[in-house]
Amino acid sequence: MIDLTVYNRDGKEVDRLQVDEAALGGSVRYPLLKQAIVMYEANKRVGTATTKGRSDVAGSDRKLFRQKGTGNARVGNIRTAKRVGGGVTFAKIPREFRQSMPKKQKKLARDSAILAKLLSNNVVVVDALSFAEPKTREFASVLSNLKIDRSCLVTVGASDANLCKSARNIPKVMVKPVKELNAGEICRYRKMLFTKEAILSVLGKDQAS
């Protein structure tokens, strides 16, 4: 079991949680975690780089001049890669880099990433995190009170527009609802800040319990 301290926005302890590793798969599955990260990075690639090959360049297929008797070096048609304006040798074509994983594997990889953060003491839990209006300075103060001075993934139970606007101007901080978490983004950030509601949702527990 992992003991987690729940803080309020002022950085004072208000509660404690017990996290059973079995709720997150029991152990960190590193091969699966690597596969998920590779997929996440591959899916960010656009793959639209393209150049024109010989078949894409305008021009005749006719040989420019006869092979012998002119005193010039032998040449082919005007579209050859050796000539200015000709096609590119081994031309790039649009590629699809996307990879996929089954939903169960994605969830296991996400849970492994969260468990790895827990085991390395890089998870902070706050009892609640909401703002009546967007306030970047106030949100930065909350992070300071919780001693978070590195990159941080803030995880909430449901999307909150005011919270997202409060965090968007703070470098290396991102806000994500629980349902959008993935292993790739979890591993990109040094710290994870969960609301109590969000961590209980990940563990499959009810807020009332």
N, C-alpha and C. Protein backbone atom coordinates (compact mmCIF):
# COMPACT_ATOMS: atom_id res chain seq x y z
N MET A 1 0.84 -1.21 0.00
CA MET A 1 0.00 0.00 0.00
C MET A 1 0.88 1.26 0.00
N ILE A 2 0.42 2.25 -0.72
CA ILE A 2 1.13 3.52 -0.79
C ILE A 2 0.31 4.58 -0.05
N ASP A 3 0.97 5.28 0.88
CA ASP A 3 0.30 6.36 1.63
C ASP A 3 0.42 7.66 0.87
N LEU A 4 -0.71 8.33 0.67
CA LEU A 4 -0.73 9.63 0.01
C LEU A 4 -1.32 10.68 0.93
N THR A 5 -0.65 11.80 1.03
CA THR A 5 -1.17 12.92 1.81
C THR A 5 -2.00 13.82 0.91
N VAL A 6 -3.16 14.20 1.41
CA VAL A 6 -4.04 15.13 0.68
C VAL A 6 -3.86 16.51 1.30
N TYR A 7 -3.53 17.49 0.46
CA TYR A 7 -3.31 18.85 0.92
C TYR A 7 -4.45 19.76 0.48
N ASN A 8 -4.58 20.89 1.18
CA ASN A 8 -5.47 21.92 0.66
C ASN A 8 -4.67 22.89 -0.20
N ARG A 9 -5.29 23.92 -0.69
CA ARG A 9 -4.62 24.84 -1.60
C ARG A 9 -3.52 25.65 -0.93
N ASP A 10 -3.53 25.67 0.40
CA ASP A 10 -2.50 26.39 1.14
C ASP A 10 -1.29 25.50 1.46
N GLY A 11 -1.37 24.22 1.05
CA GLY A 11 -0.26 23.31 1.28
C GLY A 11 -0.30 22.63 2.63
N LYS A 12 -1.45 22.69 3.31
CA LYS A 12 -1.59 22.06 4.63
C LYS A 12 -2.28 20.71 4.50
N GLU A 13 -1.82 19.75 5.29
CA GLU A 13 -2.39 18.40 5.24
C GLU A 13 -3.81 18.39 5.78
N VAL A 14 -4.73 17.80 5.02
CA VAL A 14 -6.13 17.74 5.46
C VAL A 14 -6.67 16.31 5.47
N ASP A 15 -5.98 15.38 4.82
CA ASP A 15 -6.49 14.01 4.75
C ASP A 15 -5.36 13.09 4.29
N ARG A 16 -5.62 11.79 4.37
CA ARG A 16 -4.66 10.81 3.86
C ARG A 16 -5.42 9.74 3.07
N LEU A 17 -4.74 9.20 2.07
CA LEU A 17 -5.32 8.16 1.23
C LEU A 17 -4.40 6.95 1.20
N GLN A 18 -5.00 5.77 1.12
CA GLN A 18 -4.25 4.52 0.94
C GLN A 18 -4.45 4.05 -0.49
N VAL A 19 -3.36 3.87 -1.21
CA VAL A 19 -3.45 3.42 -2.60
C VAL A 19 -2.92 2.00 -2.70
N ASP A 20 -3.77 1.10 -3.16
CA ASP A 20 -3.37 -0.29 -3.36
C ASP A 20 -2.76 -0.43 -4.76
N GLU A 21 -1.52 -0.91 -4.81
CA GLU A 21 -0.85 -1.06 -6.11
C GLU A 21 -1.64 -1.95 -7.06
N ALA A 22 -2.42 -2.88 -6.50
CA ALA A 22 -3.20 -3.79 -7.34
C ALA A 22 -4.24 -3.04 -8.18
N ALA A 23 -4.71 -1.89 -7.68
CA ALA A 23 -5.67 -1.09 -8.43
C ALA A 23 -5.05 -0.47 -9.67
N LEU A 24 -3.72 -0.43 -9.71
CA LEU A 24 -3.00 0.13 -10.86
C LEU A 24 -2.17 -0.94 -11.58
N GLY A 25 -2.60 -2.18 -11.43
CA GLY A 25 -1.92 -3.26 -12.14
C GLY A 25 -0.91 -4.03 -11.33
N GLY A 26 -0.63 -3.59 -10.10
CA GLY A 26 0.28 -4.32 -9.22
C GLY A 26 1.74 -3.97 -9.39
N SER A 27 2.18 -3.78 -10.63
CA SER A 27 3.58 -3.45 -10.89
C SER A 27 3.66 -2.62 -12.17
N VAL A 28 4.81 -1.99 -12.36
CA VAL A 28 5.01 -1.17 -13.56
C VAL A 28 5.41 -2.07 -14.72
N ARG A 29 4.63 -2.06 -15.76
CA ARG A 29 4.91 -2.87 -16.96
C ARG A 29 5.75 -2.03 -17.93
N TYR A 30 7.04 -2.09 -17.78
CA TYR A 30 7.93 -1.22 -18.57
C TYR A 30 7.86 -1.48 -20.08
N PRO A 31 7.85 -2.73 -20.55
CA PRO A 31 7.74 -2.94 -22.01
C PRO A 31 6.46 -2.34 -22.59
N LEU A 32 5.35 -2.51 -21.88
CA LEU A 32 4.08 -1.97 -22.34
C LEU A 32 4.10 -0.43 -22.29
N LEU A 33 4.74 0.09 -21.25
CA LEU A 33 4.85 1.54 -21.10
C LEU A 33 5.67 2.13 -22.25
N LYS A 34 6.77 1.45 -22.61
CA LYS A 34 7.58 1.92 -23.74
C LYS A 34 6.78 1.89 -25.03
N GLN A 35 6.02 0.82 -25.23
CA GLN A 35 5.21 0.70 -26.45
C GLN A 35 4.20 1.84 -26.54
N ALA A 36 3.60 2.20 -25.41
CA ALA A 36 2.62 3.28 -25.39
C ALA A 36 3.27 4.63 -25.69
N ILE A 37 4.46 4.85 -25.15
CA ILE A 37 5.17 6.12 -25.39
C ILE A 37 5.57 6.24 -26.86
N VAL A 38 6.07 5.13 -27.43
CA VAL A 38 6.44 5.14 -28.85
C VAL A 38 5.21 5.45 -29.71
N MET A 39 4.07 4.85 -29.37
CA MET A 39 2.83 5.10 -30.10
C MET A 39 2.42 6.57 -29.99
N TYR A 40 2.51 7.11 -28.77
CA TYR A 40 2.13 8.50 -28.53
C TYR A 40 3.00 9.45 -29.36
N GLU A 41 4.31 9.21 -29.38
CA GLU A 41 5.21 10.08 -30.13
C GLU A 41 5.01 9.90 -31.65
N ALA A 42 4.78 8.67 -32.08
CA ALA A 42 4.56 8.41 -33.51
C ALA A 42 3.29 9.09 -33.99
N ASN A 43 2.26 9.11 -33.16
CA ASN A 43 0.98 9.70 -33.56
C ASN A 43 1.03 11.22 -33.63
N LYS A 44 2.10 11.82 -33.12
CA LYS A 44 2.25 13.27 -33.24
C LYS A 44 2.91 13.66 -34.56
N ARG A 45 3.50 12.68 -35.26
CA ARG A 45 4.17 12.97 -36.52
C ARG A 45 3.13 13.22 -37.62
N VAL A 46 3.40 14.22 -38.45
CA VAL A 46 2.45 14.60 -39.49
C VAL A 46 2.62 13.73 -40.73
N GLY A 47 3.84 13.53 -41.17
CA GLY A 47 4.08 12.64 -42.30
C GLY A 47 3.67 13.20 -43.64
N THR A 48 3.66 14.54 -43.79
CA THR A 48 3.23 15.14 -45.06
C THR A 48 4.41 15.59 -45.93
N ALA A 49 5.65 15.34 -45.50
CA ALA A 49 6.81 15.74 -46.30
C ALA A 49 6.77 15.03 -47.65
N THR A 50 6.94 15.79 -48.73
CA THR A 50 6.86 15.18 -50.05
C THR A 50 7.74 15.95 -51.04
N THR A 51 8.35 15.25 -51.98
CA THR A 51 9.11 15.87 -53.07
C THR A 51 8.71 15.18 -54.37
N LYS A 52 9.03 15.82 -55.49
CA LYS A 52 8.63 15.29 -56.79
C LYS A 52 9.70 14.34 -57.34
N GLY A 53 9.26 13.16 -57.72
CA GLY A 53 10.14 12.22 -58.40
C GLY A 53 10.10 12.45 -59.91
N ARG A 54 10.78 11.61 -60.65
CA ARG A 54 10.83 11.77 -62.12
C ARG A 54 9.45 11.72 -62.73
N SER A 55 8.60 10.89 -62.21
CA SER A 55 7.26 10.75 -62.79
C SER A 55 6.35 11.93 -62.47
N ASP A 56 6.75 12.76 -61.50
CA ASP A 56 5.91 13.90 -61.10
C ASP A 56 6.31 15.20 -61.78
N VAL A 57 7.50 15.23 -62.41
CA VAL A 57 8.00 16.47 -63.01
C VAL A 57 7.51 16.59 -64.46
N ALA A 58 7.12 17.80 -64.84
CA ALA A 58 6.66 18.02 -66.22
C ALA A 58 7.84 17.96 -67.18
N GLY A 59 7.63 17.39 -68.32
CA GLY A 59 8.70 17.32 -69.32
C GLY A 59 8.56 16.09 -70.19
N SER A 60 9.25 16.10 -71.32
CA SER A 60 9.14 15.01 -72.29
C SER A 60 9.97 13.80 -71.85
N ASP A 61 9.58 12.64 -72.34
CA ASP A 61 10.35 11.42 -72.12
C ASP A 61 11.42 11.23 -73.19
N ARG A 62 11.46 12.15 -74.15
CA ARG A 62 12.37 12.00 -75.29
C ARG A 62 13.81 12.29 -74.85
N LYS A 63 14.73 11.52 -75.36
CA LYS A 63 16.15 11.75 -75.11
C LYS A 63 16.53 13.11 -75.70
N LEU A 64 17.30 13.90 -74.94
CA LEU A 64 17.59 15.27 -75.35
C LEU A 64 18.34 15.35 -76.68
N PHE A 65 19.32 14.51 -76.88
CA PHE A 65 19.99 14.43 -78.18
C PHE A 65 20.59 13.04 -78.30
N ARG A 66 20.99 12.72 -79.50
CA ARG A 66 21.44 11.36 -79.78
C ARG A 66 22.66 10.98 -78.95
N GLN A 67 22.82 9.70 -78.77
CA GLN A 67 23.84 9.17 -77.87
C GLN A 67 25.27 9.51 -78.31
N LYS A 68 25.53 9.37 -79.61
CA LYS A 68 26.91 9.53 -80.10
C LYS A 68 26.99 10.60 -81.18
N GLY A 69 28.20 11.11 -81.36
CA GLY A 69 28.45 11.99 -82.48
C GLY A 69 28.32 13.47 -82.20
N THR A 70 27.87 13.86 -81.03
CA THR A 70 27.69 15.29 -80.74
C THR A 70 28.87 15.88 -79.99
N GLY A 71 29.70 15.04 -79.38
CA GLY A 71 30.82 15.53 -78.58
C GLY A 71 30.42 15.84 -77.14
N ASN A 72 29.13 15.75 -76.83
CA ASN A 72 28.65 16.00 -75.45
C ASN A 72 28.56 14.70 -74.67
N ALA A 73 28.49 14.86 -73.38
CA ALA A 73 28.28 13.68 -72.55
C ALA A 73 26.89 13.12 -72.82
N ARG A 74 26.76 11.81 -72.73
CA ARG A 74 25.46 11.20 -73.01
C ARG A 74 24.45 11.59 -71.93
N VAL A 75 23.23 11.85 -72.32
CA VAL A 75 22.17 12.26 -71.39
C VAL A 75 20.89 11.52 -71.73
N GLY A 76 19.99 11.52 -70.77
CA GLY A 76 18.67 10.94 -70.99
C GLY A 76 17.66 12.04 -71.23
N ASN A 77 16.48 11.90 -70.63
CA ASN A 77 15.46 12.93 -70.84
C ASN A 77 15.64 14.08 -69.85
N ILE A 78 14.83 15.12 -69.99
CA ILE A 78 14.98 16.35 -69.21
C ILE A 78 14.55 16.17 -67.75
N ARG A 79 13.84 15.08 -67.48
CA ARG A 79 13.32 14.88 -66.13
C ARG A 79 14.27 14.11 -65.21
N THR A 80 15.44 13.79 -65.72
CA THR A 80 16.39 13.03 -64.89
C THR A 80 16.82 13.83 -63.66
N ALA A 81 17.17 13.14 -62.61
CA ALA A 81 17.54 13.80 -61.35
C ALA A 81 18.83 14.59 -61.44
N LYS A 82 19.65 14.33 -62.50
CA LYS A 82 20.93 15.03 -62.63
C LYS A 82 20.77 16.45 -63.17
N ARG A 83 19.61 16.76 -63.72
CA ARG A 83 19.41 18.08 -64.32
C ARG A 83 18.63 19.01 -63.39
N VAL A 84 18.91 20.30 -63.48
CA VAL A 84 18.17 21.29 -62.70
C VAL A 84 16.70 21.24 -63.11
N GLY A 85 15.84 21.15 -62.12
CA GLY A 85 14.41 21.06 -62.41
C GLY A 85 13.92 19.65 -62.63
N GLY A 86 14.83 18.70 -62.58
CA GLY A 86 14.43 17.31 -62.75
C GLY A 86 13.85 16.73 -61.46
N GLY A 87 13.44 15.49 -61.54
CA GLY A 87 12.86 14.85 -60.36
C GLY A 87 13.92 14.47 -59.33
N VAL A 88 13.49 14.27 -58.09
CA VAL A 88 14.39 13.92 -57.00
C VAL A 88 14.56 12.40 -56.96
N THR A 89 15.80 11.96 -56.79
CA THR A 89 16.04 10.53 -56.63
C THR A 89 15.53 10.06 -55.27
N PHE A 90 14.85 8.95 -55.24
CA PHE A 90 14.24 8.43 -54.00
C PHE A 90 13.37 9.50 -53.34
N ALA A 91 12.45 10.04 -54.11
CA ALA A 91 11.61 11.15 -53.65
C ALA A 91 10.78 10.75 -52.43
N LYS A 92 10.61 11.71 -51.53
CA LYS A 92 9.77 11.47 -50.35
C LYS A 92 8.31 11.49 -50.76
N ILE A 93 7.54 10.61 -50.14
CA ILE A 93 6.10 10.59 -50.38
C ILE A 93 5.40 10.66 -49.03
N PRO A 94 4.16 11.16 -48.98
CA PRO A 94 3.44 11.22 -47.70
C PRO A 94 3.35 9.85 -47.04
N ARG A 95 3.57 9.85 -45.71
CA ARG A 95 3.54 8.59 -44.96
C ARG A 95 2.58 8.70 -43.79
N GLU A 96 2.05 7.58 -43.40
CA GLU A 96 1.18 7.51 -42.23
C GLU A 96 1.95 6.83 -41.10
N PHE A 97 2.26 7.59 -40.03
CA PHE A 97 3.06 7.05 -38.94
C PHE A 97 2.21 6.53 -37.79
N ARG A 98 0.91 6.67 -37.86
CA ARG A 98 0.05 6.34 -36.73
C ARG A 98 0.18 4.88 -36.32
N GLN A 99 0.16 4.68 -35.00
CA GLN A 99 0.13 3.34 -34.42
C GLN A 99 -1.10 3.24 -33.52
N SER A 100 -1.45 2.04 -33.17
CA SER A 100 -2.61 1.85 -32.30
C SER A 100 -2.35 0.74 -31.30
N MET A 101 -3.13 0.76 -30.24
CA MET A 101 -3.08 -0.27 -29.21
C MET A 101 -4.51 -0.57 -28.78
N PRO A 102 -4.78 -1.78 -28.32
CA PRO A 102 -6.11 -2.08 -27.78
C PRO A 102 -6.40 -1.22 -26.55
N LYS A 103 -7.67 -0.96 -26.29
CA LYS A 103 -8.06 -0.10 -25.18
C LYS A 103 -7.54 -0.62 -23.84
N LYS A 104 -7.58 -1.93 -23.65
CA LYS A 104 -7.11 -2.50 -22.38
C LYS A 104 -5.62 -2.25 -22.17
N GLN A 105 -4.86 -2.35 -23.26
CA GLN A 105 -3.43 -2.09 -23.15
C GLN A 105 -3.16 -0.61 -22.86
N LYS A 106 -3.92 0.27 -23.50
CA LYS A 106 -3.77 1.71 -23.22
C LYS A 106 -4.03 2.01 -21.75
N LYS A 107 -5.08 1.39 -21.20
CA LYS A 107 -5.40 1.62 -19.79
C LYS A 107 -4.31 1.06 -18.88
N LEU A 108 -3.81 -0.14 -19.21
CA LEU A 108 -2.74 -0.73 -18.41
C LEU A 108 -1.48 0.13 -18.45
N ALA A 109 -1.17 0.67 -19.64
CA ALA A 109 0.00 1.53 -19.78
C ALA A 109 -0.19 2.82 -18.99
N ARG A 110 -1.38 3.38 -19.04
CA ARG A 110 -1.67 4.60 -18.25
C ARG A 110 -1.51 4.33 -16.76
N ASP A 111 -2.06 3.19 -16.31
CA ASP A 111 -1.96 2.85 -14.89
C ASP A 111 -0.51 2.60 -14.48
N SER A 112 0.27 1.98 -15.37
CA SER A 112 1.69 1.75 -15.08
C SER A 112 2.43 3.07 -14.94
N ALA A 113 2.10 4.03 -15.81
CA ALA A 113 2.74 5.35 -15.75
C ALA A 113 2.42 6.06 -14.44
N ILE A 114 1.15 5.97 -14.02
CA ILE A 114 0.75 6.60 -12.75
C ILE A 114 1.42 5.91 -11.58
N LEU A 115 1.48 4.57 -11.62
CA LEU A 115 2.14 3.82 -10.54
C LEU A 115 3.62 4.17 -10.46
N ALA A 116 4.28 4.34 -11.60
CA ALA A 116 5.69 4.73 -11.62
C ALA A 116 5.87 6.10 -10.96
N LYS A 117 4.94 7.02 -11.21
CA LYS A 117 5.00 8.34 -10.57
C LYS A 117 4.80 8.23 -9.07
N LEU A 118 3.88 7.37 -8.66
CA LEU A 118 3.63 7.18 -7.23
C LEU A 118 4.85 6.60 -6.52
N LEU A 119 5.46 5.60 -7.15
CA LEU A 119 6.62 4.94 -6.53
C LEU A 119 7.83 5.86 -6.45
N SER A 120 7.88 6.88 -7.32
CA SER A 120 9.01 7.82 -7.30
C SER A 120 8.66 9.11 -6.54
N ASN A 121 7.54 9.07 -5.82
CA ASN A 121 7.10 10.23 -5.00
C ASN A 121 6.92 11.50 -5.83
N ASN A 122 6.37 11.34 -7.01
CA ASN A 122 6.14 12.50 -7.87
C ASN A 122 4.65 12.79 -8.07
N VAL A 123 3.85 12.33 -7.12
CA VAL A 123 2.41 12.59 -7.17
C VAL A 123 2.01 13.44 -5.96
N VAL A 124 1.26 14.51 -6.23
CA VAL A 124 0.73 15.38 -5.18
C VAL A 124 -0.79 15.39 -5.32
N VAL A 125 -1.49 15.31 -4.19
CA VAL A 125 -2.96 15.32 -4.21
C VAL A 125 -3.48 16.53 -3.45
N VAL A 126 -4.41 17.24 -4.08
CA VAL A 126 -5.03 18.41 -3.46
C VAL A 126 -6.52 18.11 -3.30
N ASP A 127 -7.12 18.61 -2.22
CA ASP A 127 -8.51 18.25 -1.95
C ASP A 127 -9.47 18.79 -3.00
N ALA A 128 -9.23 20.00 -3.49
CA ALA A 128 -10.09 20.59 -4.52
C ALA A 128 -9.29 21.65 -5.27
N LEU A 129 -9.69 21.89 -6.51
CA LEU A 129 -8.95 22.85 -7.33
C LEU A 129 -9.91 23.47 -8.33
N SER A 130 -10.50 24.60 -7.93
CA SER A 130 -11.43 25.29 -8.83
C SER A 130 -11.31 26.79 -8.61
N PHE A 131 -11.68 27.55 -9.64
CA PHE A 131 -11.58 29.01 -9.58
C PHE A 131 -12.87 29.63 -10.08
N ALA A 132 -13.30 30.69 -9.41
CA ALA A 132 -14.51 31.40 -9.83
C ALA A 132 -14.30 32.10 -11.16
N GLU A 133 -13.05 32.51 -11.41
CA GLU A 133 -12.68 33.14 -12.67
C GLU A 133 -11.21 32.84 -12.93
N PRO A 134 -10.76 32.97 -14.18
CA PRO A 134 -9.36 32.66 -14.48
C PRO A 134 -8.40 33.56 -13.71
N LYS A 135 -7.47 32.95 -12.94
CA LYS A 135 -6.49 33.69 -12.16
C LYS A 135 -5.15 32.97 -12.21
N THR A 136 -4.29 33.38 -13.12
CA THR A 136 -2.99 32.72 -13.28
C THR A 136 -2.14 32.87 -12.02
N ARG A 137 -2.14 34.06 -11.45
CA ARG A 137 -1.32 34.30 -10.26
C ARG A 137 -1.78 33.42 -9.10
N GLU A 138 -3.08 33.26 -8.96
CA GLU A 138 -3.61 32.43 -7.87
C GLU A 138 -3.24 30.96 -8.07
N PHE A 139 -3.32 30.51 -9.32
CA PHE A 139 -2.95 29.11 -9.59
C PHE A 139 -1.46 28.89 -9.37
N ALA A 140 -0.64 29.85 -9.78
CA ALA A 140 0.81 29.75 -9.55
C ALA A 140 1.11 29.71 -8.06
N SER A 141 0.32 30.44 -7.27
CA SER A 141 0.49 30.43 -5.82
C SER A 141 0.17 29.05 -5.23
N VAL A 142 -0.87 28.40 -5.77
CA VAL A 142 -1.24 27.06 -5.31
C VAL A 142 -0.09 26.09 -5.59
N LEU A 143 0.49 26.16 -6.80
CA LEU A 143 1.61 25.29 -7.13
C LEU A 143 2.79 25.52 -6.19
N SER A 144 3.03 26.79 -5.87
CA SER A 144 4.13 27.12 -4.96
C SER A 144 3.87 26.57 -3.57
N ASN A 145 2.63 26.68 -3.09
CA ASN A 145 2.27 26.15 -1.76
C ASN A 145 2.44 24.64 -1.69
N LEU A 146 2.22 23.98 -2.83
CA LEU A 146 2.36 22.52 -2.87
C LEU A 146 3.77 22.08 -3.23
N LYS A 147 4.70 23.07 -3.31
CA LYS A 147 6.11 22.81 -3.60
C LYS A 147 6.32 22.12 -4.95
N ILE A 148 5.54 22.56 -5.94
CA ILE A 148 5.69 22.06 -7.31
C ILE A 148 6.41 23.13 -8.12
N ASP A 149 7.68 22.88 -8.42
CA ASP A 149 8.46 23.86 -9.16
C ASP A 149 9.03 23.29 -10.45
N ARG A 150 8.56 22.10 -10.84
CA ARG A 150 9.01 21.48 -12.08
C ARG A 150 7.81 21.34 -13.01
N SER A 151 8.02 20.71 -14.16
CA SER A 151 6.90 20.49 -15.07
C SER A 151 5.84 19.63 -14.38
N CYS A 152 4.58 19.92 -14.65
CA CYS A 152 3.51 19.27 -13.89
C CYS A 152 2.29 19.01 -14.78
N LEU A 153 1.72 17.83 -14.65
CA LEU A 153 0.46 17.48 -15.30
C LEU A 153 -0.63 17.53 -14.25
N VAL A 154 -1.54 18.47 -14.39
CA VAL A 154 -2.63 18.65 -13.41
C VAL A 154 -3.81 17.83 -13.89
N THR A 155 -4.28 16.91 -13.05
CA THR A 155 -5.36 16.01 -13.43
C THR A 155 -6.59 16.28 -12.58
N VAL A 156 -7.71 16.53 -13.25
CA VAL A 156 -8.96 16.86 -12.57
C VAL A 156 -10.03 15.86 -12.98
N GLY A 157 -11.12 15.82 -12.21
CA GLY A 157 -12.19 14.88 -12.49
C GLY A 157 -12.91 15.19 -13.79
N ALA A 158 -13.18 16.48 -14.02
CA ALA A 158 -13.88 16.92 -15.23
C ALA A 158 -13.25 18.21 -15.72
N SER A 159 -13.42 18.47 -16.99
CA SER A 159 -12.82 19.67 -17.59
C SER A 159 -13.37 20.94 -16.94
N ASP A 160 -12.48 21.88 -16.63
CA ASP A 160 -12.84 23.14 -15.97
C ASP A 160 -12.21 24.29 -16.76
N ALA A 161 -13.05 25.09 -17.42
CA ALA A 161 -12.54 26.15 -18.29
C ALA A 161 -11.72 27.18 -17.52
N ASN A 162 -12.17 27.56 -16.34
CA ASN A 162 -11.45 28.57 -15.56
C ASN A 162 -10.08 28.06 -15.11
N LEU A 163 -10.03 26.78 -14.75
CA LEU A 163 -8.75 26.19 -14.34
C LEU A 163 -7.79 26.12 -15.52
N CYS A 164 -8.30 25.70 -16.68
CA CYS A 164 -7.45 25.61 -17.87
C CYS A 164 -6.89 26.98 -18.26
N LYS A 165 -7.72 28.01 -18.18
CA LYS A 165 -7.27 29.36 -18.52
C LYS A 165 -6.28 29.89 -17.48
N SER A 166 -6.44 29.46 -16.23
CA SER A 166 -5.52 29.90 -15.18
C SER A 166 -4.13 29.28 -15.36
N ALA A 167 -4.09 28.09 -15.97
CA ALA A 167 -2.83 27.36 -16.08
C ALA A 167 -2.12 27.55 -17.41
N ARG A 168 -2.82 28.05 -18.43
CA ARG A 168 -2.25 28.01 -19.78
C ARG A 168 -1.05 28.93 -19.98
N ASN A 169 -0.89 29.95 -19.14
CA ASN A 169 0.26 30.85 -19.29
C ASN A 169 1.43 30.46 -18.38
N ILE A 170 1.30 29.36 -17.67
CA ILE A 170 2.39 28.89 -16.80
C ILE A 170 3.20 27.86 -17.58
N PRO A 171 4.50 28.09 -17.76
CA PRO A 171 5.31 27.16 -18.56
C PRO A 171 5.32 25.74 -17.99
N LYS A 172 5.28 24.76 -18.89
CA LYS A 172 5.43 23.34 -18.54
C LYS A 172 4.36 22.85 -17.57
N VAL A 173 3.16 23.41 -17.68
CA VAL A 173 2.02 22.94 -16.88
C VAL A 173 0.86 22.69 -17.82
N MET A 174 0.24 21.51 -17.68
CA MET A 174 -0.92 21.18 -18.52
C MET A 174 -2.02 20.62 -17.63
N VAL A 175 -3.26 20.96 -17.97
CA VAL A 175 -4.43 20.46 -17.23
C VAL A 175 -5.14 19.43 -18.10
N LYS A 176 -5.43 18.27 -17.52
CA LYS A 176 -6.13 17.21 -18.25
C LYS A 176 -7.20 16.58 -17.36
N PRO A 177 -8.40 16.33 -17.90
CA PRO A 177 -9.36 15.51 -17.16
C PRO A 177 -8.92 14.04 -17.16
N VAL A 178 -9.38 13.29 -16.19
CA VAL A 178 -8.96 11.89 -16.03
C VAL A 178 -9.19 11.08 -17.30
N LYS A 179 -10.33 11.27 -17.94
CA LYS A 179 -10.67 10.44 -19.10
C LYS A 179 -9.74 10.66 -20.29
N GLU A 180 -8.97 11.75 -20.29
CA GLU A 180 -8.06 12.04 -21.40
C GLU A 180 -6.61 11.69 -21.09
N LEU A 181 -6.34 11.12 -19.92
CA LEU A 181 -4.97 10.78 -19.56
C LEU A 181 -4.42 9.68 -20.46
N ASN A 182 -3.14 9.79 -20.80
CA ASN A 182 -2.48 8.70 -21.51
C ASN A 182 -1.04 8.61 -21.03
N ALA A 183 -0.45 7.45 -21.22
CA ALA A 183 0.89 7.17 -20.69
C ALA A 183 1.93 8.13 -21.25
N GLY A 184 1.80 8.48 -22.52
CA GLY A 184 2.79 9.36 -23.14
C GLY A 184 2.87 10.71 -22.47
N GLU A 185 1.73 11.33 -22.21
CA GLU A 185 1.73 12.65 -21.58
C GLU A 185 2.13 12.57 -20.11
N ILE A 186 1.74 11.51 -19.44
CA ILE A 186 2.13 11.35 -18.03
C ILE A 186 3.65 11.33 -17.90
N CYS A 187 4.31 10.62 -18.81
CA CYS A 187 5.77 10.49 -18.74
C CYS A 187 6.50 11.75 -19.20
N ARG A 188 5.82 12.65 -19.86
CA ARG A 188 6.46 13.90 -20.31
C ARG A 188 6.69 14.87 -19.16
N TYR A 189 5.91 14.74 -18.09
CA TYR A 189 5.97 15.70 -16.99
C TYR A 189 6.60 15.08 -15.76
N ARG A 190 7.35 15.89 -15.01
CA ARG A 190 8.04 15.39 -13.82
C ARG A 190 7.06 15.09 -12.69
N LYS A 191 6.10 15.99 -12.48
CA LYS A 191 5.15 15.85 -11.37
C LYS A 191 3.74 15.65 -11.89
N MET A 192 2.91 15.02 -11.05
CA MET A 192 1.47 14.93 -11.32
C MET A 192 0.72 15.51 -10.13
N LEU A 193 -0.19 16.42 -10.41
CA LEU A 193 -1.05 16.98 -9.37
C LEU A 193 -2.47 16.49 -9.62
N PHE A 194 -2.97 15.67 -8.70
CA PHE A 194 -4.32 15.14 -8.79
C PHE A 194 -5.23 15.90 -7.83
N THR A 195 -6.46 16.13 -8.24
CA THR A 195 -7.48 16.48 -7.24
C THR A 195 -7.90 15.17 -6.58
N LYS A 196 -8.46 15.26 -5.39
CA LYS A 196 -8.88 14.05 -4.69
C LYS A 196 -9.91 13.28 -5.51
N GLU A 197 -10.80 14.02 -6.14
CA GLU A 197 -11.82 13.40 -6.98
C GLU A 197 -11.18 12.61 -8.12
N ALA A 198 -10.13 13.18 -8.73
CA ALA A 198 -9.49 12.55 -9.87
C ALA A 198 -8.75 11.28 -9.48
N ILE A 199 -8.00 11.31 -8.37
CA ILE A 199 -7.23 10.12 -7.96
C ILE A 199 -8.17 8.99 -7.56
N LEU A 200 -9.30 9.32 -6.93
CA LEU A 200 -10.27 8.29 -6.57
C LEU A 200 -10.91 7.70 -7.82
N SER A 201 -11.11 8.53 -8.84
CA SER A 201 -11.67 8.04 -10.10
C SER A 201 -10.70 7.07 -10.76
N VAL A 202 -9.42 7.37 -10.74
CA VAL A 202 -8.40 6.48 -11.33
C VAL A 202 -8.37 5.15 -10.59
N LEU A 203 -8.52 5.21 -9.27
CA LEU A 203 -8.46 3.99 -8.46
C LEU A 203 -9.77 3.22 -8.45
N GLY A 204 -10.80 3.80 -9.11
CA GLY A 204 -12.10 3.13 -9.17
C GLY A 204 -12.86 3.20 -7.88
N LYS A 205 -12.64 4.26 -7.09
CA LYS A 205 -13.34 4.43 -5.82
C LYS A 205 -14.34 5.55 -5.93
N ASP A 206 -15.37 5.49 -5.08
CA ASP A 206 -16.37 6.55 -5.04
C ASP A 206 -15.88 7.70 -4.18
N GLN A 207 -16.24 8.94 -4.54
CA GLN A 207 -15.86 10.11 -3.78
C GLN A 207 -16.33 10.02 -2.32
N ALA A 208 -17.51 9.45 -2.13
CA ALA A 208 -18.07 9.39 -0.78
C ALA A 208 -17.29 8.45 0.12
N SER A 209 -16.66 7.43 -0.47
CA SER A 209 -15.88 6.49 0.34
C SER A 209 -14.52 7.05 0.68
